[in-house]
C-alpha cells in the first residue's frame, strides 16, 4: 500500500469519508491476522508515517488523540507532525466518536480492552509506555 503524500501544509492525508483510514486499518489488520509485518515509512518518519500509525492506534485501541501522541512521542521523541496533520487527526477522532468508535481511554491508567490478561496487546503497549 503506497500513498504519494507530500510533507506540505495543504496535503490532505485523511479524507472526510475515512476511505484512506479504513484502507490503512484493513491493511494492517489483515497483515496482523496473517502474522505478517507492516513497515510504515515516510522520508524522515516524523510526520506522515506517524500520522498513519496514530490513526491505526486510535481506532484499534480506541485511544484519544492525546494518548496516542504521547505514546508515539515516547517511542519517537523527535516527532515533528505538522499542525495541519494534527488538525486532520483531531477531525478523525471526532468522526470516530460519531461512529461510536471514539476513545474509551485518554489516560495511561485505563485499559479499553476487555481482556486485561497478559496476552492483551493494549496492556503490553501501556506497559511499554509506562516503563519507557
Protein backbone atom coordinates (compact mmCIF):
# COMPACT_ATOMS: atom_id res chain seq x y z
CA UNK A 1 0.00 0.00 0.00
CA UNK A 2 1.51 3.30 -1.04
CA UNK A 3 0.30 6.87 -0.67
CA UNK A 4 2.01 9.63 -2.62
CA UNK A 5 1.67 12.31 0.02
CA UNK A 6 3.85 15.37 0.21
CA UNK A 7 5.03 16.78 3.52
CA UNK A 8 3.29 20.09 2.85
CA UNK A 9 0.78 22.16 4.77
CA UNK A 10 -2.02 21.71 2.23
CA UNK A 11 -1.65 17.91 1.90
CA UNK A 12 -4.82 16.01 2.79
CA UNK A 13 -3.88 12.74 4.44
CA UNK A 14 -7.24 11.63 5.74
CA UNK A 15 -10.40 12.29 3.75
CA UNK A 16 -13.67 13.20 5.50
CA UNK A 17 -15.26 9.90 4.40
CA UNK A 18 -12.40 7.93 6.01
CA UNK A 19 -11.66 5.95 2.86
CA UNK A 20 -7.91 6.24 3.49
CA UNK A 21 -8.06 5.45 7.20
CA UNK A 22 -10.33 2.45 6.56
CA UNK A 23 -7.87 1.15 3.93
CA UNK A 24 -4.96 1.59 6.34
CA UNK A 25 -6.78 -0.15 9.17
CA UNK A 26 -7.88 -3.08 6.99
CA UNK A 27 -4.38 -3.46 5.51
CA UNK A 28 -2.66 -3.59 8.91
CA UNK A 29 -5.31 -5.85 10.43
CA UNK A 30 -5.05 -8.30 7.53
CA UNK A 31 -1.29 -8.43 7.88
CA UNK A 32 -1.54 -8.95 11.64
CA UNK A 33 -4.07 -11.75 11.15
CA UNK A 34 -1.62 -13.49 8.82
CA UNK A 35 1.30 -12.82 11.23
CA UNK A 36 2.97 -10.61 8.64
CA UNK A 37 4.99 -7.48 9.32
CA UNK A 38 3.99 -3.99 8.25
CA UNK A 39 6.50 -1.25 7.56
CA UNK A 40 5.08 2.24 7.81
CA UNK A 41 7.57 4.64 6.33
CA UNK A 42 7.97 8.21 5.15
CA UNK A 43 11.15 10.09 4.32
CA UNK A 44 12.03 11.08 7.90
CA UNK A 45 9.31 9.16 9.74
CA UNK A 46 8.46 12.18 11.84
CA UNK A 47 5.16 13.35 10.39
CA UNK A 48 3.25 11.41 7.71
CA UNK A 49 4.21 7.91 8.87
CA UNK A 50 3.49 8.88 12.48
CA UNK A 51 0.04 10.10 11.47
CA UNK A 52 -0.70 6.78 9.79
CA UNK A 53 0.32 4.91 12.93
CA UNK A 54 -1.78 7.31 15.01
CA UNK A 55 -4.94 6.56 13.03
CA UNK A 56 -4.39 2.85 13.47
CA UNK A 57 -3.78 3.08 17.24
CA UNK A 58 -6.72 5.41 17.76
CA UNK A 59 -9.10 3.00 16.06
CA UNK A 60 -7.60 -0.30 17.20
CA UNK A 61 -7.26 0.54 20.88
CA UNK A 62 -9.80 3.37 20.98
CA UNK A 63 -7.28 5.79 22.43
CA UNK A 64 -7.74 9.53 22.44
CA UNK A 65 -5.55 11.56 20.11
CA UNK A 66 -3.60 12.92 23.07
CA UNK A 67 -2.90 9.45 24.48
CA UNK A 68 -1.86 8.25 21.02
CA UNK A 69 0.52 11.16 20.52
CA UNK A 70 2.00 10.62 23.98
CA UNK A 71 2.71 7.00 23.07
CA UNK A 72 4.22 7.88 19.69
CA UNK A 73 6.37 10.58 21.26
CA UNK A 74 7.64 8.10 23.86
CA UNK A 75 8.79 5.81 21.05
CA UNK A 76 9.96 8.58 18.72
CA UNK A 77 10.88 11.74 20.68
CA UNK A 78 11.82 13.67 17.53
CA UNK A 79 8.29 13.79 16.10
CA UNK A 80 7.58 16.86 14.02
CA UNK A 81 3.96 16.40 12.98
CA UNK A 82 2.66 19.37 11.01
CA UNK A 83 -0.12 21.37 12.65
CA UNK A 84 -2.40 20.72 9.67
CA UNK A 85 -1.87 16.97 10.10
CA UNK A 86 -2.67 17.23 13.83
CA UNK A 87 -5.88 19.01 12.83
CA UNK A 88 -6.73 16.15 10.46
CA UNK A 89 -6.11 13.65 13.25
CA UNK A 90 -8.37 15.64 15.55
CA UNK A 91 -11.09 15.61 12.91
CA UNK A 92 -10.59 11.85 12.53
CA UNK A 93 -11.04 11.44 16.30
CA UNK A 94 -14.33 13.36 16.03
CA UNK A 95 -15.52 11.13 13.20
CA UNK A 96 -14.64 8.03 15.23
CA UNK A 97 -16.74 9.41 18.10
CA UNK A 98 -19.70 9.89 15.77
CA UNK A 99 -19.38 6.26 14.64
CA UNK A 100 -19.23 5.08 18.28
CA UNK A 101 -15.59 4.09 17.73
CA UNK A 102 -14.23 7.02 19.68
CA UNK A 103 -11.82 6.89 22.58
CA UNK A 104 -12.54 4.65 25.52
CA UNK A 105 -9.38 5.78 27.26
CA UNK A 106 -7.46 9.00 27.50
CA UNK A 107 -5.18 8.22 30.47
CA UNK A 108 -2.44 5.63 30.88
CA UNK A 109 -4.03 4.00 33.92
CA UNK A 110 -7.03 2.95 31.79
CA UNK A 111 -7.34 -0.09 29.52
CA UNK A 112 -10.10 -0.22 26.88
CA UNK A 113 -9.51 -3.86 26.06
CA UNK A 114 -11.91 -6.09 27.97
CA UNK A 115 -9.16 -8.73 28.01
CA UNK A 116 -6.90 -7.44 30.77
CA UNK A 117 -4.74 -10.57 30.83
CA UNK A 118 -1.07 -10.71 29.88
CA UNK A 119 -1.81 -11.55 26.23
CA UNK A 120 -3.58 -8.22 25.75
CA UNK A 121 -1.86 -6.14 23.05
CA UNK A 122 -3.07 -2.94 24.63
CA UNK A 123 -1.74 -3.91 28.05
CA UNK A 124 1.66 -4.62 26.51
CA UNK A 125 1.69 -1.19 24.81
CA UNK A 126 0.63 0.51 28.03
CA UNK A 127 3.41 -1.17 29.97
CA UNK A 128 5.91 -0.27 27.24
CA UNK A 129 4.86 3.37 27.58
CA UNK A 130 4.93 3.40 31.38
CA UNK A 131 8.34 1.69 31.52
CA UNK A 132 9.93 3.93 28.87
